[in-house]
Amino acid sequence: MTETLHPCLQCGACCEHYRVEFSVYELSGMGGSVPEALAHEVSGNRWRMNGTAAHPVRCAALVGQCGQSSTCSIYEHRPQACRDFEMGSERCAQARAAHGLPALAGAPEEAPGGHS
């Protein structure tokens, strides 16, 4: 029997499509969990994941190749913006379409070690 991989473990389109900004308080040095080495200050208390400021977008935490095999290297420590991103949503479909991937039929449960 072949095990079906969670769609987010093969995708990464959102990580190569959207800017990821978050509060300074999500940084590990401020009591949060996002590694400071993977982000930079935008202004005041706003920070952004490295690689998501300009096109082409590729989040510094993404490992692998979009559409084939990818995962978030800081999944357990990702910013709230990433935690709130809904797999199978319109935004997900837009990111997937931008990378030549079809929209997802449904929204499976959270990815084990991937996105969602």
PDB file of N, CA and C in Angstrom:
ATOM      1  N   MET A   1       0.837  -1.172   0.000  1.00  0.00           N
ATOM      2  CA  MET A   1       0.000   0.000   0.000  1.00  0.00           C
ATOM      3  C   MET A   1       0.889   1.245   0.000  1.00  0.00           C
ATOM      4  N   THR A   2       0.567   2.214  -0.851  1.00  0.00           N
ATOM      5  CA  THR A   2       1.326   3.451  -0.940  1.00  0.00           C
ATOM      6  C   THR A   2       0.721   4.489  -0.023  1.00  0.00           C
ATOM      7  N   GLU A   3       1.561   5.085   0.830  1.00  0.00           N
ATOM      8  CA  GLU A   3       1.098   6.123   1.741  1.00  0.00           C
ATOM      9  C   GLU A   3       0.959   7.439   0.976  1.00  0.00           C
ATOM     10  N   THR A   4      -0.164   8.116   1.151  1.00  0.00           N
ATOM     11  CA  THR A   4      -0.400   9.395   0.503  1.00  0.00           C
ATOM     12  C   THR A   4       0.207  10.498   1.359  1.00  0.00           C
ATOM     13  N   LEU A   5       1.070  11.290   0.752  1.00  0.00           N
ATOM     14  CA  LEU A   5       1.673  12.404   1.475  1.00  0.00           C
ATOM     15  C   LEU A   5       0.691  13.550   1.606  1.00  0.00           C
ATOM     16  N   HIS A   6       0.742  14.219   2.729  1.00  0.00           N
ATOM     17  CA  HIS A   6      -0.070  15.409   2.937  1.00  0.00           C
ATOM     18  C   HIS A   6       0.305  16.421   1.853  1.00  0.00           C
ATOM     19  N   PRO A   7      -0.671  17.080   1.234  1.00  0.00           N
ATOM     20  CA  PRO A   7      -0.380  18.025   0.138  1.00  0.00           C
ATOM     21  C   PRO A   7       0.660  19.089   0.493  1.00  0.00           C
ATOM     22  N   CYS A   8       0.681  19.543   1.734  1.00  0.00           N
ATOM     23  CA  CYS A   8       1.635  20.587   2.118  1.00  0.00           C
ATOM     24  C   CYS A   8       3.078  20.082   2.149  1.00  0.00           C
ATOM     25  N   LEU A   9       3.262  18.776   2.230  1.00  0.00           N
ATOM     26  CA  LEU A   9       4.611  18.223   2.249  1.00  0.00           C
ATOM     27  C   LEU A   9       5.201  18.132   0.845  1.00  0.00           C
ATOM     28  N   GLN A  10       4.403  18.450  -0.144  1.00  0.00           N
ATOM     29  CA  GLN A  10       4.881  18.441  -1.527  1.00  0.00           C
ATOM     30  C   GLN A  10       4.759  19.807  -2.165  1.00  0.00           C
ATOM     31  N   CYS A  11       4.186  20.768  -1.473  1.00  0.00           N
ATOM     32  CA  CYS A  11       3.798  22.028  -2.097  1.00  0.00           C
ATOM     33  C   CYS A  11       4.810  23.152  -1.881  1.00  0.00           C
ATOM     34  N   GLY A  12       4.651  23.929  -0.830  1.00  0.00           N
ATOM     35  CA  GLY A  12       5.526  25.065  -0.570  1.00  0.00           C
ATOM     36  C   GLY A  12       5.172  26.308  -1.370  1.00  0.00           C
ATOM     37  N   ALA A  13       4.064  26.266  -2.116  1.00  0.00           N
ATOM     38  CA  ALA A  13       3.690  27.414  -2.956  1.00  0.00           C
ATOM     39  C   ALA A  13       3.456  28.672  -2.125  1.00  0.00           C
ATOM     40  N   CYS A  14       2.841  28.536  -0.954  1.00  0.00           N
ATOM     41  CA  CYS A  14       2.599  29.715  -0.121  1.00  0.00           C
ATOM     42  C   CYS A  14       3.924  30.324   0.336  1.00  0.00           C
ATOM     43  N   CYS A  15       4.915  29.490   0.581  1.00  0.00           N
ATOM     44  CA  CYS A  15       6.235  29.945   1.029  1.00  0.00           C
ATOM     45  C   CYS A  15       7.025  30.626  -0.082  1.00  0.00           C
ATOM     46  N   GLU A  16       6.586  30.398  -1.316  1.00  0.00           N
ATOM     47  CA  GLU A  16       7.235  31.025  -2.466  1.00  0.00           C
ATOM     48  C   GLU A  16       6.318  32.042  -3.142  1.00  0.00           C
ATOM     49  N   HIS A  17       5.309  32.503  -2.392  1.00  0.00           N
ATOM     50  CA  HIS A  17       4.362  33.434  -2.999  1.00  0.00           C
ATOM     51  C   HIS A  17       4.017  34.638  -2.118  1.00  0.00           C
ATOM     52  N   TYR A  18       3.950  34.446  -0.810  1.00  0.00           N
ATOM     53  CA  TYR A  18       3.465  35.500   0.078  1.00  0.00           C
ATOM     54  C   TYR A  18       4.533  36.071   1.002  1.00  0.00           C
ATOM     55  N   ARG A  19       4.393  37.348   1.287  1.00  0.00           N
ATOM     56  CA  ARG A  19       5.216  38.034   2.292  1.00  0.00           C
ATOM     57  C   ARG A  19       4.750  37.548   3.660  1.00  0.00           C
ATOM     58  N   VAL A  20       5.687  37.334   4.561  1.00  0.00           N
ATOM     59  CA  VAL A  20       5.345  36.872   5.907  1.00  0.00           C
ATOM     60  C   VAL A  20       5.850  37.896   6.920  1.00  0.00           C
ATOM     61  N   GLU A  21       4.916  38.665   7.466  1.00  0.00           N
ATOM     62  CA  GLU A  21       5.246  39.659   8.496  1.00  0.00           C
ATOM     63  C   GLU A  21       4.615  39.253   9.814  1.00  0.00           C
ATOM     64  N   PHE A  22       5.261  39.681  10.893  1.00  0.00           N
ATOM     65  CA  PHE A  22       4.774  39.318  12.218  1.00  0.00           C
ATOM     66  C   PHE A  22       5.320  40.290  13.251  1.00  0.00           C
ATOM     67  N   SER A  23       4.795  40.222  14.443  1.00  0.00           N
ATOM     68  CA  SER A  23       5.195  41.090  15.542  1.00  0.00           C
ATOM     69  C   SER A  23       6.578  40.700  16.076  1.00  0.00           C
ATOM     70  N   VAL A  24       7.324  41.684  16.501  1.00  0.00           N
ATOM     71  CA  VAL A  24       8.645  41.456  17.096  1.00  0.00           C
ATOM     72  C   VAL A  24       8.552  40.484  18.267  1.00  0.00           C
ATOM     73  N   TYR A  25       7.406  40.437  18.915  1.00  0.00           N
ATOM     74  CA  TYR A  25       7.232  39.575  20.084  1.00  0.00           C
ATOM     75  C   TYR A  25       7.157  38.089  19.739  1.00  0.00           C
ATOM     76  N   GLU A  26       7.102  37.779  18.445  1.00  0.00           N
ATOM     77  CA  GLU A  26       7.142  36.370  18.029  1.00  0.00           C
ATOM     78  C   GLU A  26       8.574  35.863  17.885  1.00  0.00           C
ATOM     79  N   LEU A  27       9.553  36.756  17.951  1.00  0.00           N
ATOM     80  CA  LEU A  27      10.963  36.353  17.839  1.00  0.00           C
ATOM     81  C   LEU A  27      11.413  35.621  19.096  1.00  0.00           C
ATOM     82  N   SER A  28      12.304  34.668  18.928  1.00  0.00           N
ATOM     83  CA  SER A  28      12.792  33.873  20.056  1.00  0.00           C
ATOM     84  C   SER A  28      13.420  34.744  21.143  1.00  0.00           C
ATOM     85  N   GLY A  29      14.109  35.798  20.767  1.00  0.00           N
ATOM     86  CA  GLY A  29      14.755  36.683  21.735  1.00  0.00           C
ATOM     87  C   GLY A  29      13.788  37.553  22.513  1.00  0.00           C
ATOM     88  N   MET A  30      12.541  37.566  22.086  1.00  0.00           N
ATOM     89  CA  MET A  30      11.509  38.376  22.747  1.00  0.00           C
ATOM     90  C   MET A  30      10.470  37.497  23.435  1.00  0.00           C
ATOM     91  N   GLY A  31      10.785  36.210  23.575  1.00  0.00           N
ATOM     92  CA  GLY A  31       9.871  35.297  24.246  1.00  0.00           C
ATOM     93  C   GLY A  31       9.029  34.461  23.307  1.00  0.00           C
ATOM     94  N   GLY A  32       9.149  34.704  22.002  1.00  0.00           N
ATOM     95  CA  GLY A  32       8.410  33.922  21.019  1.00  0.00           C
ATOM     96  C   GLY A  32       9.213  32.715  20.571  1.00  0.00           C
ATOM     97  N   SER A  33       8.946  32.249  19.360  1.00  0.00           N
ATOM     98  CA  SER A  33       9.630  31.042  18.903  1.00  0.00           C
ATOM     99  C   SER A  33      10.319  31.177  17.543  1.00  0.00           C
ATOM    100  N   VAL A  34      10.078  32.257  16.809  1.00  0.00           N
ATOM    101  CA  VAL A  34      10.672  32.411  15.479  1.00  0.00           C
ATOM    102  C   VAL A  34      12.170  32.741  15.613  1.00  0.00           C
ATOM    103  N   PRO A  35      13.029  31.941  14.994  1.00  0.00           N
ATOM    104  CA  PRO A  35      14.474  32.207  15.071  1.00  0.00           C
ATOM    105  C   PRO A  35      14.824  33.565  14.444  1.00  0.00           C
ATOM    106  N   GLU A  36      15.489  34.410  15.207  1.00  0.00           N
ATOM    107  CA  GLU A  36      15.838  35.753  14.745  1.00  0.00           C
ATOM    108  C   GLU A  36      16.713  35.744  13.500  1.00  0.00           C
ATOM    109  N   ALA A  37      17.533  34.732  13.323  1.00  0.00           N
ATOM    110  CA  ALA A  37      18.438  34.664  12.182  1.00  0.00           C
ATOM    111  C   ALA A  37      17.690  34.513  10.854  1.00  0.00           C
ATOM    112  N   LEU A  38      16.410  34.129  10.908  1.00  0.00           N
ATOM    113  CA  LEU A  38      15.632  33.921   9.688  1.00  0.00           C
ATOM    114  C   LEU A  38      14.693  35.082   9.369  1.00  0.00           C
ATOM    115  N   ALA A  39      14.826  36.181  10.116  1.00  0.00           N
ATOM    116  CA  ALA A  39      13.921  37.317   9.911  1.00  0.00           C
ATOM    117  C   ALA A  39      14.688  38.631  10.003  1.00  0.00           C
ATOM    118  N   HIS A  40      14.026  39.692   9.545  1.00  0.00           N
ATOM    119  CA  HIS A  40      14.635  41.023   9.626  1.00  0.00           C
ATOM    120  C   HIS A  40      13.561  42.042   9.989  1.00  0.00           C
ATOM    121  N   GLU A  41      14.024  43.145  10.579  1.00  0.00           N
ATOM    122  CA  GLU A  41      13.106  44.200  11.002  1.00  0.00           C
ATOM    123  C   GLU A  41      12.572  44.953   9.794  1.00  0.00           C
ATOM    124  N   VAL A  42      11.286  45.228   9.813  1.00  0.00           N
ATOM    125  CA  VAL A  42      10.651  46.021   8.763  1.00  0.00           C
ATOM    126  C   VAL A  42      10.519  47.447   9.271  1.00  0.00           C
ATOM    127  N   SER A  43       9.873  47.608  10.409  1.00  0.00           N
ATOM    128  CA  SER A  43       9.747  48.916  11.053  1.00  0.00           C
ATOM    129  C   SER A  43       9.189  48.727  12.451  1.00  0.00           C
ATOM    130  N   GLY A  44       9.807  49.368  13.399  1.00  0.00           N
ATOM    131  CA  GLY A  44       9.318  49.286  14.777  1.00  0.00           C
ATOM    132  C   GLY A  44       9.164  47.872  15.262  1.00  0.00           C
ATOM    133  N   ASN A  45       7.916  47.481  15.503  1.00  0.00           N
ATOM    134  CA  ASN A  45       7.698  46.136  16.042  1.00  0.00           C
ATOM    135  C   ASN A  45       7.301  45.119  14.973  1.00  0.00           C
ATOM    136  N   ARG A  46       7.438  45.449  13.697  1.00  0.00           N
ATOM    137  CA  ARG A  46       7.116  44.527  12.601  1.00  0.00           C
ATOM    138  C   ARG A  46       8.382  43.892  12.050  1.00  0.00           C
ATOM    139  N   TRP A  47       8.370  42.576  11.894  1.00  0.00           N
ATOM    140  CA  TRP A  47       9.469  41.819  11.325  1.00  0.00           C
ATOM    141  C   TRP A  47       8.951  40.992  10.164  1.00  0.00           C
ATOM    142  N   ARG A  48       9.850  40.540   9.322  1.00  0.00           N
ATOM    143  CA  ARG A  48       9.479  39.782   8.120  1.00  0.00           C
ATOM    144  C   ARG A  48      10.439  38.614   7.961  1.00  0.00           C
ATOM    145  N   MET A  49       9.908  37.485   7.508  1.00  0.00           N
ATOM    146  CA  MET A  49      10.759  36.330   7.234  1.00  0.00           C
ATOM    147  C   MET A  49      11.685  36.666   6.076  1.00  0.00           C
ATOM    148  N   ASN A  50      12.959  36.322   6.211  1.00  0.00           N
ATOM    149  CA  ASN A  50      13.923  36.541   5.134  1.00  0.00           C
ATOM    150  C   ASN A  50      13.457  35.802   3.887  1.00  0.00           C
ATOM    151  N   GLY A  51      13.640  36.448   2.754  1.00  0.00           N
ATOM    152  CA  GLY A  51      13.277  35.847   1.483  1.00  0.00           C
ATOM    153  C   GLY A  51      11.864  36.161   1.032  1.00  0.00           C
ATOM    154  N   THR A  52      11.072  36.833   1.890  1.00  0.00           N
ATOM    155  CA  THR A  52       9.687  37.117   1.518  1.00  0.00           C
ATOM    156  C   THR A  52       9.430  38.591   1.244  1.00  0.00           C
ATOM    157  N   ALA A  53      10.471  39.399   1.179  1.00  0.00           N
ATOM    158  CA  ALA A  53      10.293  40.849   1.002  1.00  0.00           C
ATOM    159  C   ALA A  53      10.045  41.249  -0.448  1.00  0.00           C
ATOM    160  N   ALA A  54      10.644  40.561  -1.387  1.00  0.00           N
ATOM    161  CA  ALA A  54      10.537  40.955  -2.803  1.00  0.00           C
ATOM    162  C   ALA A  54      10.439  39.709  -3.676  1.00  0.00           C
ATOM    163  N   HIS A  55       9.972  39.929  -4.894  1.00  0.00           N
ATOM    164  CA  HIS A  55       9.856  38.813  -5.849  1.00  0.00           C
ATOM    165  C   HIS A  55      11.189  38.554  -6.516  1.00  0.00           C
ATOM    166  N   PRO A  56      11.587  37.337  -6.764  1.00  0.00           N
ATOM    167  CA  PRO A  56      10.828  36.135  -6.440  1.00  0.00           C
ATOM    168  C   PRO A  56      10.887  35.831  -4.941  1.00  0.00           C
ATOM    169  N   VAL A  57       9.754  35.448  -4.401  1.00  0.00           N
ATOM    170  CA  VAL A  57       9.623  35.126  -2.976  1.00  0.00           C
ATOM    171  C   VAL A  57      10.065  33.691  -2.746  1.00  0.00           C
ATOM    172  N   ARG A  58      10.836  33.500  -1.687  1.00  0.00           N
ATOM    173  CA  ARG A  58      11.162  32.150  -1.196  1.00  0.00           C
ATOM    174  C   ARG A  58      11.560  32.307   0.255  1.00  0.00           C
ATOM    175  N   CYS A  59      10.695  31.874   1.143  1.00  0.00           N
ATOM    176  CA  CYS A  59      10.955  31.994   2.568  1.00  0.00           C
ATOM    177  C   CYS A  59      12.242  31.248   2.927  1.00  0.00           C
ATOM    178  N   ALA A  60      13.041  31.861   3.781  1.00  0.00           N
ATOM    179  CA  ALA A  60      14.310  31.268   4.201  1.00  0.00           C
ATOM    180  C   ALA A  60      14.113  29.954   4.963  1.00  0.00           C
ATOM    181  N   ALA A  61      12.927  29.722   5.489  1.00  0.00           N
ATOM    182  CA  ALA A  61      12.675  28.495   6.246  1.00  0.00           C
ATOM    183  C   ALA A  61      12.219  27.328   5.363  1.00  0.00           C
ATOM    184  N   LEU A  62      11.941  27.583   4.092  1.00  0.00           N
ATOM    185  CA  LEU A  62      11.479  26.521   3.194  1.00  0.00           C
ATOM    186  C   LEU A  62      12.641  25.625   2.774  1.00  0.00           C
ATOM    187  N   VAL A  63      12.413  24.331   2.878  1.00  0.00           N
ATOM    188  CA  VAL A  63      13.394  23.337   2.461  1.00  0.00           C
ATOM    189  C   VAL A  63      12.755  22.494   1.366  1.00  0.00           C
ATOM    190  N   GLY A  64      13.469  22.286   0.288  1.00  0.00           N
ATOM    191  CA  GLY A  64      12.949  21.471  -0.792  1.00  0.00           C
ATOM    192  C   GLY A  64      12.539  22.295  -1.987  1.00  0.00           C
ATOM    193  N   GLN A  65      11.844  21.642  -2.906  1.00  0.00           N
ATOM    194  CA  GLN A  65      11.447  22.287  -4.153  1.00  0.00           C
ATOM    195  C   GLN A  65       9.931  22.382  -4.229  1.00  0.00           C
ATOM    196  N   CYS A  66       9.451  23.564  -4.539  1.00  0.00           N
ATOM    197  CA  CYS A  66       8.018  23.832  -4.641  1.00  0.00           C
ATOM    198  C   CYS A  66       7.352  22.855  -5.603  1.00  0.00           C
ATOM    199  N   GLY A  67       6.254  22.253  -5.148  1.00  0.00           N
ATOM    200  CA  GLY A  67       5.476  21.353  -5.978  1.00  0.00           C
ATOM    201  C   GLY A  67       5.974  19.920  -6.023  1.00  0.00           C
ATOM    202  N   GLN A  68       7.117  19.646  -5.414  1.00  0.00           N
ATOM    203  CA  GLN A  68       7.665  18.294  -5.464  1.00  0.00           C
ATOM    204  C   GLN A  68       7.837  17.697  -4.077  1.00  0.00           C
ATOM    205  N   SER A  69       8.620  18.329  -3.269  1.00  0.00           N
ATOM    206  CA  SER A  69       8.854  17.869  -1.908  1.00  0.00           C
ATOM    207  C   SER A  69       9.392  19.046  -1.117  1.00  0.00           C
ATOM    208  N   SER A  70       8.593  19.563  -0.215  1.00  0.00           N
ATOM    209  CA  SER A  70       9.034  20.710   0.561  1.00  0.00           C
ATOM    210  C   SER A  70       8.458  20.661   1.965  1.00  0.00           C
ATOM    211  N   THR A  71       9.102  21.359   2.864  1.00  0.00           N
ATOM    212  CA  THR A  71       8.644  21.440   4.244  1.00  0.00           C
ATOM    213  C   THR A  71       9.212  22.705   4.877  1.00  0.00           C
ATOM    214  N   CYS A  72       8.628  23.089   5.984  1.00  0.00           N
ATOM    215  CA  CYS A  72       9.095  24.259   6.726  1.00  0.00           C
ATOM    216  C   CYS A  72      10.113  23.787   7.754  1.00  0.00           C
ATOM    217  N   SER A  73      11.303  24.338   7.699  1.00  0.00           N
ATOM    218  CA  SER A  73      12.367  23.920   8.622  1.00  0.00           C
ATOM    219  C   SER A  73      12.124  24.395  10.052  1.00  0.00           C
ATOM    220  N   ILE A  74      11.198  25.336  10.221  1.00  0.00           N
ATOM    221  CA  ILE A  74      10.880  25.836  11.567  1.00  0.00           C
ATOM    222  C   ILE A  74       9.392  25.640  11.878  1.00  0.00           C
ATOM    223  N   TYR A  75       8.803  24.593  11.343  1.00  0.00           N
ATOM    224  CA  TYR A  75       7.361  24.383  11.448  1.00  0.00           C
ATOM    225  C   TYR A  75       6.822  24.612  12.861  1.00  0.00           C
ATOM    226  N   GLU A  76       7.431  24.027  13.853  1.00  0.00           N
ATOM    227  CA  GLU A  76       6.967  24.185  15.235  1.00  0.00           C
ATOM    228  C   GLU A  76       7.220  25.591  15.769  1.00  0.00           C
ATOM    229  N   HIS A  77       8.041  26.373  15.084  1.00  0.00           N
ATOM    230  CA  HIS A  77       8.411  27.716  15.540  1.00  0.00           C
ATOM    231  C   HIS A  77       7.995  28.798  14.556  1.00  0.00           C
ATOM    232  N   ARG A  78       7.143  28.458  13.587  1.00  0.00           N
ATOM    233  CA  ARG A  78       6.750  29.389  12.540  1.00  0.00           C
ATOM    234  C   ARG A  78       5.906  30.538  13.100  1.00  0.00           C
ATOM    235  N   PRO A  79       5.886  31.668  12.389  1.00  0.00           N
ATOM    236  CA  PRO A  79       5.096  32.821  12.832  1.00  0.00           C
ATOM    237  C   PRO A  79       3.592  32.542  12.781  1.00  0.00           C
ATOM    238  N   GLN A  80       2.849  33.362  13.490  1.00  0.00           N
ATOM    239  CA  GLN A  80       1.395  33.202  13.538  1.00  0.00           C
ATOM    240  C   GLN A  80       0.769  33.335  12.155  1.00  0.00           C
ATOM    241  N   ALA A  81       1.321  34.202  11.313  1.00  0.00           N
ATOM    242  CA  ALA A  81       0.784  34.363   9.954  1.00  0.00           C
ATOM    243  C   ALA A  81       0.803  33.032   9.207  1.00  0.00           C
ATOM    244  N   CYS A  82       1.825  32.247   9.408  1.00  0.00           N
ATOM    245  CA  CYS A  82       1.915  30.930   8.764  1.00  0.00           C
ATOM    246  C   CYS A  82       0.954  29.943   9.420  1.00  0.00           C
ATOM    247  N   ARG A  83       0.825  30.027  10.731  1.00  0.00           N
ATOM    248  CA  ARG A  83      -0.109  29.144  11.450  1.00  0.00           C
ATOM    249  C   ARG A  83      -1.545  29.401  11.011  1.00  0.00           C
ATOM    250  N   ASP A  84      -1.860  30.663  10.702  1.00  0.00           N
ATOM    251  CA  ASP A  84      -3.213  31.048  10.322  1.00  0.00           C
ATOM    252  C   ASP A  84      -3.533  30.783   8.853  1.00  0.00           C
ATOM    253  N   PHE A  85      -2.513  30.499   8.043  1.00  0.00           N
ATOM    254  CA  PHE A  85      -2.740  30.282   6.613  1.00  0.00           C
ATOM    255  C   PHE A  85      -3.554  29.001   6.423  1.00  0.00           C
ATOM    256  N   GLU A  86      -4.663  29.105   5.714  1.00  0.00           N
ATOM    257  CA  GLU A  86      -5.555  27.961   5.548  1.00  0.00           C
ATOM    258  C   GLU A  86      -5.286  27.197   4.269  1.00  0.00           C
ATOM    259  N   MET A  87      -4.891  25.947   4.444  1.00  0.00           N
ATOM    260  CA  MET A  87      -4.686  25.080   3.300  1.00  0.00           C
ATOM    261  C   MET A  87      -6.021  24.865   2.602  1.00  0.00           C
ATOM    262  N   GLY A  88      -6.029  24.968   1.290  1.00  0.00           N
ATOM    263  CA  GLY A  88      -7.246  24.784   0.523  1.00  0.00           C
ATOM    264  C   GLY A  88      -8.056  26.054   0.369  1.00  0.00           C
ATOM    265  N   SER A  89      -7.611  27.147   0.986  1.00  0.00           N
ATOM    266  CA  SER A  89      -8.318  28.425   0.897  1.00  0.00           C
ATOM    267  C   SER A  89      -8.091  29.070  -0.469  1.00  0.00           C
ATOM    268  N   GLU A  90      -8.758  30.183  -0.705  1.00  0.00           N
ATOM    269  CA  GLU A  90      -8.576  30.918  -1.956  1.00  0.00           C
ATOM    270  C   GLU A  90      -7.129  31.385  -2.102  1.00  0.00           C
ATOM    271  N   ARG A  91      -6.533  31.843  -1.012  1.00  0.00           N
ATOM    272  CA  ARG A  91      -5.129  32.279  -1.046  1.00  0.00           C
ATOM    273  C   ARG A  91      -4.198  31.116  -1.369  1.00  0.00           C
ATOM    274  N   CYS A  92      -4.508  29.938  -0.843  1.00  0.00           N
ATOM    275  CA  CYS A  92      -3.738  28.729  -1.142  1.00  0.00           C
ATOM    276  C   CYS A  92      -3.852  28.420  -2.633  1.00  0.00           C
ATOM    277  N   ALA A  93      -5.069  28.468  -3.150  1.00  0.00           N
ATOM    278  CA  ALA A  93      -5.291  28.184  -4.574  1.00  0.00           C
ATOM    279  C   ALA A  93      -4.549  29.182  -5.457  1.00  0.00           C
ATOM    280  N   GLN A  94      -4.518  30.456  -5.054  1.00  0.00           N
ATOM    281  CA  GLN A  94      -3.802  31.484  -5.821  1.00  0.00           C
ATOM    282  C   GLN A  94      -2.304  31.193  -5.851  1.00  0.00           C
ATOM    283  N   ALA A  95      -1.747  30.846  -4.705  1.00  0.00           N
ATOM    284  CA  ALA A  95      -0.312  30.539  -4.639  1.00  0.00           C
ATOM    285  C   ALA A  95       0.012  29.305  -5.466  1.00  0.00           C
ATOM    286  N   ARG A  96      -0.818  28.277  -5.358  1.00  0.00           N
ATOM    287  CA  ARG A  96      -0.588  27.052  -6.133  1.00  0.00           C
ATOM    288  C   ARG A  96      -0.683  27.333  -7.626  1.00  0.00           C
ATOM    289  N   ALA A  97      -1.682  28.122  -8.043  1.00  0.00           N
ATOM    290  CA  ALA A  97      -1.846  28.452  -9.461  1.00  0.00           C
ATOM    291  C   ALA A  97      -0.635  29.220  -9.987  1.00  0.00           C
ATOM    292  N   ALA A  98      -0.084  30.092  -9.169  1.00  0.00           N
ATOM    293  CA  ALA A  98       1.087  30.866  -9.579  1.00  0.00           C
ATOM    294  C   ALA A  98       2.288  29.975  -9.853  1.00  0.00           C
ATOM    295  N   HIS A  99       2.276  28.770  -9.295  1.00  0.00           N
ATOM    296  CA  HIS A  99       3.375  27.819  -9.476  1.00  0.00           C
ATOM    297  C   HIS A  99       2.968  26.639 -10.348  1.00  0.00           C
ATOM    298  N   GLY A 100       1.845  26.796 -11.048  1.00  0.00           N
ATOM    299  CA  GLY A 100       1.401  25.758 -11.974  1.00  0.00           C
ATOM    300  C   GLY A 100       0.826  24.527 -11.308  1.00  0.00           C
ATOM    301  N   LEU A 101       0.369  24.669 -10.077  1.00  0.00           N
ATOM    302  CA  LEU A 101      -0.194  23.538  -9.335  1.00  0.00           C
ATOM    303  C   LEU A 101      -1.708  23.683  -9.259  1.00  0.00           C
ATOM    304  N   PRO A 102      -2.445  22.572  -9.323  1.00  0.00           N
ATOM    305  CA  PRO A 102      -3.911  22.662  -9.225  1.00  0.00           C
ATOM    306  C   PRO A 102      -4.354  22.995  -7.802  1.00  0.00           C
ATOM    307  N   ALA A 103      -5.531  23.582  -7.693  1.00  0.00           N
ATOM    308  CA  ALA A 103      -6.104  23.867  -6.380  1.00  0.00           C
ATOM    309  C   ALA A 103      -6.374  22.541  -5.674  1.00  0.00           C
ATOM    310  N   LEU A 104      -6.370  22.568  -4.357  1.00  0.00           N
ATOM    311  CA  LEU A 104      -6.663  21.369  -3.573  1.00  0.00           C
ATOM    312  C   LEU A 104      -8.166  21.178  -3.485  1.00  0.00           C
ATOM    313  N   ALA A 105      -8.605  19.938  -3.562  1.00  0.00           N
ATOM    314  CA  ALA A 105     -10.032  19.625  -3.549  1.00  0.00           C
ATOM    315  C   ALA A 105     -10.668  19.911  -2.198  1.00  0.00           C
ATOM    316  N   GLY A 106      -9.977  19.595  -1.129  1.00  0.00           N
ATOM    317  CA  GLY A 106     -10.507  19.812   0.213  1.00  0.00           C
ATOM    318  C   GLY A 106      -9.403  20.271   1.116  1.00  0.00           C
ATOM    319  N   ALA A 107      -9.729  20.536   2.334  1.00  0.00           N
ATOM    320  CA  ALA A 107      -8.734  20.995   3.298  1.00  0.00           C
ATOM    321  C   ALA A 107      -8.470  19.894   4.312  1.00  0.00           C
ATOM    322  N   PRO A 108      -7.502  19.008   4.028  1.00  0.00           N
ATOM    323  CA  PRO A 108      -7.154  17.959   4.986  1.00  0.00           C
ATOM    324  C   PRO A 108      -6.661  18.549   6.307  1.00  0.00           C
ATOM    325  N   GLU A 109      -6.565  17.720   7.304  1.00  0.00           N
ATOM    326  CA  GLU A 109      -6.059  18.187   8.585  1.00  0.00           C
ATOM    327  C   GLU A 109      -4.645  18.721   8.464  1.00  0.00           C
ATOM    328  N   GLU A 110      -4.180  19.336   9.542  1.00  0.00           N
ATOM    329  CA  GLU A 110      -2.863  19.947   9.583  1.00  0.00           C
ATOM    330  C   GLU A 110      -1.767  18.973   9.138  1.00  0.00           C
ATOM    331  N   ALA A 111      -0.828  19.509   8.408  1.00  0.00           N
ATOM    332  CA  ALA A 111       0.270  18.696   7.889  1.00  0.00           C
ATOM    333  C   ALA A 111       1.216  18.278   8.996  1.00  0.00           C
ATOM    334  N   PRO A 112       1.637  17.030   9.011  1.00  0.00           N
ATOM    335  CA  PRO A 112       2.638  16.589   9.981  1.00  0.00           C
ATOM    336  C   PRO A 112       4.008  17.072   9.552  1.00  0.00           C
ATOM    337  N   GLY A 113       4.508  18.108  10.215  1.00  0.00           N
ATOM    338  CA  GLY A 113       5.840  18.623   9.889  1.00  0.00           C
ATOM    339  C   GLY A 113       5.871  19.506   8.652  1.00  0.00           C
ATOM    340  N   GLY A 114       4.742  19.792   8.070  1.00  0.00           N
ATOM    341  CA  GLY A 114       4.685  20.649   6.875  1.00  0.00           C
ATOM    342  C   GLY A 114       4.041  21.959   7.187  1.00  0.00           C
ATOM    343  N   HIS A 115       3.118  22.397   6.343  1.00  0.00           N
ATOM    344  CA  HIS A 115       2.470  23.678   6.517  1.00  0.00           C
ATOM    345  C   HIS A 115       1.041  23.474   6.981  1.00  0.00           C
ATOM    346  N   SER A 116       0.313  24.535   7.042  1.00  0.00           N
ATOM    347  CA  SER A 116      -1.116  24.574   7.313  1.00  0.00           C
ATOM    348  C   SER A 116      -1.427  25.576   8.353  1.00  0.00           C
TER     349      SER A 116
END
